[in-house]
Protein backbone atom coordinates (compact mmCIF):
# COMPACT_ATOMS: atom_id res chain seq x y z
CA MET A 1 -18.14 -6.11 -5.09
CA ARG A 2 -16.91 -4.92 -1.64
CA ILE A 3 -13.25 -4.07 -1.17
CA LEU A 4 -11.55 -3.42 2.06
CA HIS A 5 -8.50 -0.90 1.58
CA PHE A 6 -5.76 -0.44 4.56
CA SER A 7 -2.39 0.49 4.34
CA ASP A 8 0.69 0.70 6.47
CA PRO A 9 0.37 -1.76 9.29
CA HIS A 10 4.30 -1.41 10.12
CA VAL A 11 4.89 -4.91 11.86
CA GLN A 12 7.77 -4.63 14.16
CA LEU A 13 10.21 -6.70 15.96
CA ARG A 14 8.75 -8.04 19.22
CA ASP A 15 11.99 -7.12 21.02
CA TRP A 16 12.91 -3.95 19.18
CA ARG A 17 13.72 -2.29 22.16
CA THR A 18 16.35 -4.91 23.61
CA ARG A 19 17.85 -5.50 20.19
CA SER A 20 21.22 -4.66 19.31
CA LEU A 21 21.84 -1.67 16.98
CA ARG A 22 24.80 -3.17 15.72
CA ALA A 23 22.94 -6.48 14.47
CA LEU A 24 20.36 -4.03 12.76
CA GLY A 25 22.73 -2.33 10.61
CA PRO A 26 23.23 1.17 10.70
CA LEU A 27 20.64 2.28 8.67
CA ARG A 28 18.20 0.29 10.67
CA ALA A 29 19.64 1.84 13.70
CA LEU A 30 19.10 5.11 12.46
CA ALA A 31 15.66 4.14 11.80
CA THR A 32 14.96 3.28 15.53
CA ALA A 33 15.05 6.99 16.38
CA GLU A 34 11.44 7.19 15.37
CA LEU A 35 10.55 4.24 17.64
CA TRP A 36 11.86 5.68 20.58
CA ARG A 37 10.08 8.98 19.88
CA SER A 38 6.81 7.33 20.18
CA ARG A 39 6.08 5.03 17.00
CA GLY A 40 7.48 2.33 18.57
CA ALA A 41 4.74 2.11 21.35
CA ARG A 42 2.14 2.91 18.87
CA TYR A 43 2.54 -0.39 16.80
CA ASP A 44 3.17 -2.67 19.61
CA ARG A 45 0.19 -4.39 18.91
CA ALA A 46 0.32 -4.38 15.00
CA GLU A 47 0.79 -7.98 14.43
CA GLU A 48 -2.66 -8.70 16.48
CA ARG A 49 -4.24 -5.97 14.58
CA LEU A 50 -3.45 -7.11 11.18
CA HIS A 51 -4.73 -10.27 12.44
CA ASP A 52 -7.82 -8.71 12.75
CA LEU A 53 -7.58 -6.91 9.50
CA ALA A 54 -7.46 -10.00 7.88
CA ALA A 55 -10.86 -11.38 9.50
CA LEU A 56 -12.34 -7.92 8.56
CA SER A 57 -11.39 -9.04 5.08
CA LEU A 58 -14.08 -11.90 5.40
CA GLU A 59 -16.53 -9.31 5.03
CA HIS A 60 -15.36 -8.35 1.70
CA ASP A 61 -14.63 -9.81 -1.74
CA HIS A 62 -11.14 -8.30 -1.83
CA ALA A 63 -8.52 -6.91 0.54
CA ILE A 64 -5.68 -4.34 -0.59
CA CYS A 65 -2.61 -3.34 1.44
CA THR A 66 -1.01 -0.13 0.11
CA GLY A 67 2.44 -0.73 1.65
CA ASP A 68 4.31 -0.35 4.69
CA LEU A 69 3.58 -3.99 5.84
CA THR A 70 7.10 -3.42 8.07
CA GLN A 71 8.41 -0.89 10.46
CA LEU A 72 12.42 -1.50 10.03
CA GLY A 73 12.23 -3.72 6.78
CA THR A 74 13.65 -6.75 8.27
CA ARG A 75 13.47 -9.95 6.97
CA GLU A 76 11.74 -11.30 10.32
CA GLU A 77 9.17 -8.62 10.39
CA MET A 78 8.36 -9.54 6.83
CA GLN A 79 7.80 -12.74 8.04
CA LEU A 80 5.72 -11.80 11.30
CA ALA A 81 3.66 -9.48 8.71
CA ARG A 82 2.59 -12.61 6.70
CA ALA A 83 2.34 -15.01 9.61
CA ALA A 84 -0.31 -12.24 10.95
CA LEU A 85 -2.41 -12.12 7.93
CA GLY A 86 -2.49 -16.12 7.89
CA ALA A 87 -4.56 -17.41 4.92
CA LEU A 88 -5.28 -14.36 3.20
CA ALA A 89 -1.61 -13.82 2.59
CA SER A 90 -1.22 -17.08 -0.15
CA ASP A 91 -4.84 -15.70 -1.57
CA ARG A 92 -4.26 -13.63 -4.56
CA GLU A 93 -7.79 -14.10 -5.48
CA ARG A 94 -8.59 -12.02 -2.64
CA PHE A 95 -5.65 -10.01 -1.33
CA THR A 96 -3.35 -7.47 -3.09
CA THR A 97 -0.37 -5.69 -1.47
CA LEU A 98 2.74 -3.84 -2.48
CA ALA A 99 6.21 -2.86 -0.90
CA GLY A 100 6.35 0.42 0.56
CA ASN A 101 9.43 2.60 1.75
CA HIS A 102 10.01 1.04 4.88
CA ASP A 103 10.14 -2.18 3.29
CA ARG A 104 13.00 -1.05 1.10
CA ILE A 105 15.50 -0.14 3.55
CA PRO A 106 18.75 -1.40 2.09
CA LEU A 107 21.18 -3.47 4.36
CA ALA A 108 24.82 -3.00 4.13
CA LEU A 109 24.03 -0.47 1.25
CA LYS A 110 22.40 -3.12 -0.95
CA PRO A 111 18.79 -3.35 -2.19
CA VAL A 112 16.95 -5.90 -0.26
CA HIS A 113 14.18 -8.48 -1.66
CA TYR A 114 12.42 -9.27 1.69
CA PHE A 115 9.22 -8.64 0.16
CA GLU A 116 9.37 -10.50 -2.96
CA GLU A 117 10.90 -13.50 -1.38
CA LEU A 118 7.97 -13.65 1.35
CA PHE A 119 4.92 -12.38 -0.82
CA PRO A 120 5.75 -13.78 -4.05
CA GLU A 121 1.91 -13.67 -4.88
CA GLN A 122 2.52 -10.14 -5.31
CA THR A 123 4.99 -10.06 -8.06
CA VAL A 124 4.97 -10.53 -12.04
CA ASP A 125 7.03 -13.32 -11.82
CA GLY A 126 4.89 -15.08 -9.27
CA GLY A 127 1.65 -14.66 -11.07
CA GLY A 128 0.67 -11.29 -9.28
CA SER A 129 -0.41 -9.93 -12.45
CA ASP A 130 -3.62 -11.04 -14.70
CA LEU A 131 -2.18 -9.09 -17.89
CA GLY A 132 1.46 -9.98 -17.56
CA GLU A 133 2.13 -7.36 -20.76
CA PHE A 134 2.49 -4.05 -18.41
CA ALA A 135 5.49 -4.69 -16.44
CA PRO A 136 6.54 -3.27 -14.33
CA VAL A 137 2.51 -2.24 -13.59
CA ARG A 138 0.55 -5.34 -12.50
CA VAL A 139 -2.92 -5.47 -13.14
CA ARG A 140 -5.68 -7.87 -11.39
CA LEU A 141 -9.13 -8.31 -12.80
CA LEU A 142 -11.72 -8.73 -9.82
CA GLY A 143 -15.05 -10.46 -10.66
CA PRO A 144 -16.71 -10.32 -14.24
CA HIS A 145 -16.92 -7.23 -16.36
CA GLY A 146 -18.35 -4.96 -14.72
CA GLY A 147 -16.07 -5.60 -11.29
CA ALA A 148 -12.88 -4.06 -10.62
CA ALA A 149 -9.47 -3.92 -12.09
CA LEU A 150 -6.57 -3.01 -10.05
CA VAL A 151 -3.35 -1.28 -11.27
CA ILE A 152 -0.81 -1.35 -8.93
CA VAL A 153 2.38 0.95 -9.95
CA ASP A 154 5.14 0.57 -7.02
CA SER A 155 6.23 4.08 -6.00
CA ALA A 156 9.08 2.75 -3.32
CA ILE A 157 12.42 3.43 -4.28
CA ALA A 158 14.70 0.19 -4.63
CA MET A 159 17.05 1.72 -1.83
CA SER A 160 14.92 3.80 0.49
CA TRP A 161 16.31 5.44 3.10
CA PRO A 162 15.10 6.62 6.58
CA ILE A 163 13.95 9.90 7.17
CA LEU A 164 14.47 11.14 3.21
CA SER A 165 10.94 8.66 2.33
CA ARG A 166 10.27 10.09 -1.02
CA GLY A 167 8.58 8.12 -3.54
CA GLU A 168 8.95 7.95 -7.55
CA ILE A 169 6.52 6.86 -10.22
CA THR A 170 9.48 6.38 -13.08
CA ARG A 171 8.91 6.94 -16.92
CA PRO A 172 8.54 3.27 -17.55
CA ALA A 173 5.93 2.64 -14.98
CA LEU A 174 4.31 5.58 -16.49
CA GLU A 175 4.04 4.60 -19.85
CA ALA A 176 2.93 0.91 -18.81
CA LEU A 177 -0.02 2.51 -16.58
CA SER A 178 -1.00 4.53 -19.39
CA ARG A 179 -1.11 1.27 -21.87
CA ALA A 180 -2.91 -0.94 -18.96
CA LEU A 181 -5.36 1.77 -18.43
CA ALA A 182 -6.18 1.37 -21.76
CA HIS A 183 -6.35 -2.49 -21.98
CA PRO A 184 -10.01 -3.52 -22.88
CA GLU A 185 -10.12 -5.98 -19.95
CA VAL A 186 -9.61 -2.65 -17.45
CA ARG A 187 -12.28 -0.71 -19.36
CA ALA A 188 -14.92 -3.09 -18.94
CA ARG A 189 -14.35 -2.64 -15.14
CA CYS A 190 -13.99 0.24 -12.30
CA ALA A 191 -10.37 1.11 -12.74
CA LEU A 192 -8.34 1.71 -9.12
CA VAL A 193 -4.82 2.77 -9.28
CA VAL A 194 -3.23 1.48 -6.17
CA THR A 195 0.25 2.46 -5.26
CA HIS A 196 2.20 3.40 -1.67
CA HIS A 197 3.03 7.32 -1.70
CA SER A 198 -0.23 9.21 -1.54
CA PRO A 199 0.29 11.96 -4.43
CA MET A 200 -0.78 14.47 -1.82
CA ARG A 201 -2.04 14.90 1.71
CA ALA A 202 -5.51 16.00 3.32
CA HIS A 203 -6.93 19.56 1.39
CA GLY A 204 -4.68 19.05 -1.87
CA ARG A 205 -1.73 19.72 -0.62
CA LEU A 206 1.70 18.19 -1.91
CA ASP A 207 3.91 16.73 0.64
CA TRP A 208 6.91 18.21 1.86
CA PRO A 209 9.77 17.54 0.12
CA VAL A 210 11.82 14.74 1.54
CA HIS A 211 8.50 12.51 1.78
CA TYR A 212 6.81 13.26 -1.51
CA LEU A 213 6.24 11.65 -4.18
CA GLN A 214 8.42 12.11 -7.62
CA ASN A 215 6.42 12.59 -10.80
CA THR A 216 2.97 13.55 -8.94
CA THR A 217 1.74 15.68 -11.87
CA ASN A 218 2.12 13.18 -14.87
CA PHE A 219 1.01 10.19 -12.47
CA LEU A 220 -2.13 11.96 -11.80
CA ARG A 221 -2.75 12.90 -15.45
CA VAL A 222 -2.13 9.76 -16.88
CA ALA A 223 -4.29 8.03 -14.21
CA ARG A 224 -7.12 10.73 -14.96
CA ALA A 225 -7.05 10.61 -18.49
CA GLY A 226 -6.90 6.82 -18.33
CA GLY A 227 -10.44 6.74 -16.79
CA ALA A 228 -9.16 5.48 -13.10
CA GLN A 229 -11.72 6.08 -10.76
CA ALA A 230 -9.26 6.62 -7.98
CA VAL A 231 -6.20 6.13 -6.68
CA LEU A 232 -5.57 3.99 -3.52
CA ALA A 233 -2.70 4.97 -1.37
CA GLY A 234 -0.95 5.03 2.03
CA HIS A 235 2.45 6.32 3.25
CA VAL A 236 0.81 9.36 4.88
CA HIS A 237 -0.74 8.65 8.05
CA GLU A 238 -3.84 10.21 8.09
CA GLN A 239 -7.41 9.33 6.01
CA PHE A 240 -8.50 11.28 3.70
CA ASP A 241 -10.95 11.43 0.75
CA LEU A 242 -9.95 14.03 -2.16
CA PRO A 243 -12.76 14.29 -5.00
CA GLU A 244 -11.57 14.30 -8.56
CA THR A 245 -10.80 17.19 -10.49
CA PRO A 246 -9.88 17.55 -14.09
CA GLU A 247 -6.50 17.52 -13.50
CA ARG A 248 -6.73 14.02 -11.17
CA PRO A 249 -8.80 10.96 -10.34
CA ARG A 250 -10.47 10.58 -6.87
CA VAL A 251 -7.59 10.01 -3.95
CA LEU A 252 -8.08 7.74 -1.29
CA CYS A 253 -5.28 7.62 1.41
CA ALA A 254 -6.16 5.06 4.19
CA GLY A 255 -4.42 6.21 6.83
CA SER A 256 -2.26 3.64 9.10
CA ALA A 257 -4.35 0.57 10.11
CA THR A 258 -2.74 -0.57 13.14
CA ASP A 259 -1.51 3.03 14.76
CA ALA A 260 -2.73 2.80 18.30
CA LYS A 261 -3.91 6.83 18.13
CA ARG A 262 -6.00 6.57 14.82
CA PRO A 263 -6.65 3.17 13.30
CA THR A 264 -8.24 3.77 9.99
CA ALA A 265 -9.24 1.67 6.64
CA TYR A 266 -11.95 2.43 4.00
CA SER A 267 -14.79 -0.12 3.01
CA LEU A 268 -15.12 0.34 -1.05
CA GLU A 269 -18.29 -0.44 -3.13
CA ILE A 270 -18.12 -1.21 -6.75
CA LEU A 271 -21.24 -1.23 -8.62
CA GLY A 272 -21.55 -1.20 -12.48
CA ARG A 273 -18.20 -0.27 -13.48
CA ARG A 274 -18.33 2.78 -10.82
CA LEU A 275 -17.02 3.36 -7.33
CA SER A 276 -20.67 3.71 -6.02
CA ASN A 277 -19.83 4.37 -2.23
CA VAL A 278 -16.79 4.82 -0.14
CA GLN A 279 -17.11 4.06 3.76
CA PRO A 280 -14.51 5.32 6.16
CA ILE A 281 -13.77 2.88 8.95
CA ASP A 282 -12.58 3.99 12.25
CA LEU A 283 -10.96 0.59 13.72
CA ARG A 284 -10.65 1.58 17.19
CA ALA A 285 -14.11 -0.06 18.09
CA ARG A 286 -13.49 -3.15 16.25
CA PHE A 287 -9.63 -3.72 17.86
CA HIS A 288 -11.09 -3.04 21.25
CA ALA A 289 -14.40 -5.36 20.61
């Protein structure tokens, strides 16, 4: 079994440079500061590159996007992201994703639910879990025994503020993760924990306070004790592969797949309930082909 893991496509409004800040609302207007600094130019082709990633997924059995589908968390951006993914977006047998902090920027100081509305296949209520008893955690079983089991844990806070982009693994999510990893159908496969916020940065460093994942130590401990082969994450726009230790499973951060500076992804191979091979992909050649 081959799995494509990518993250943080950050599809953005096509006319964000001329869009009225008043129309965006105060929080999204604040978030455009990052776009004007340099991020906006780096993601001008995010839609096109996300479409290319959907094509690349055809060379794999399943594709996983670990969040931040959008740049400013608008409904329009979420629609553009879904359109760029094409048929892959509605194929829950071949595609798994979850919301990132950029997808949860509130509107009028109230939570938004654009991800749940436009990606219903990725929610528990929309049939996005093969083992429904572990809400708020989702479980997807890929292939027969000996394949993979994805245990999807939402780390994006319901109202994620621009700049203050930390995540959290809640106590109910930790308890559900522990129970899900102990399920016989999960234990019969290669268990991969999927979340948005990387629990650490490259070289095993913890992230800086306004950007980090709360409850990291307990999260990694539960994943390791439950036999997870790896944690797949994004959020940190750098690609790295940290080996397992007695305290944590392997951690794979995919970087950002559509960043013009260094677009990256991973190709994972599952063999006999094990993560047998991890191949980093430099997407620059793919996008320029």
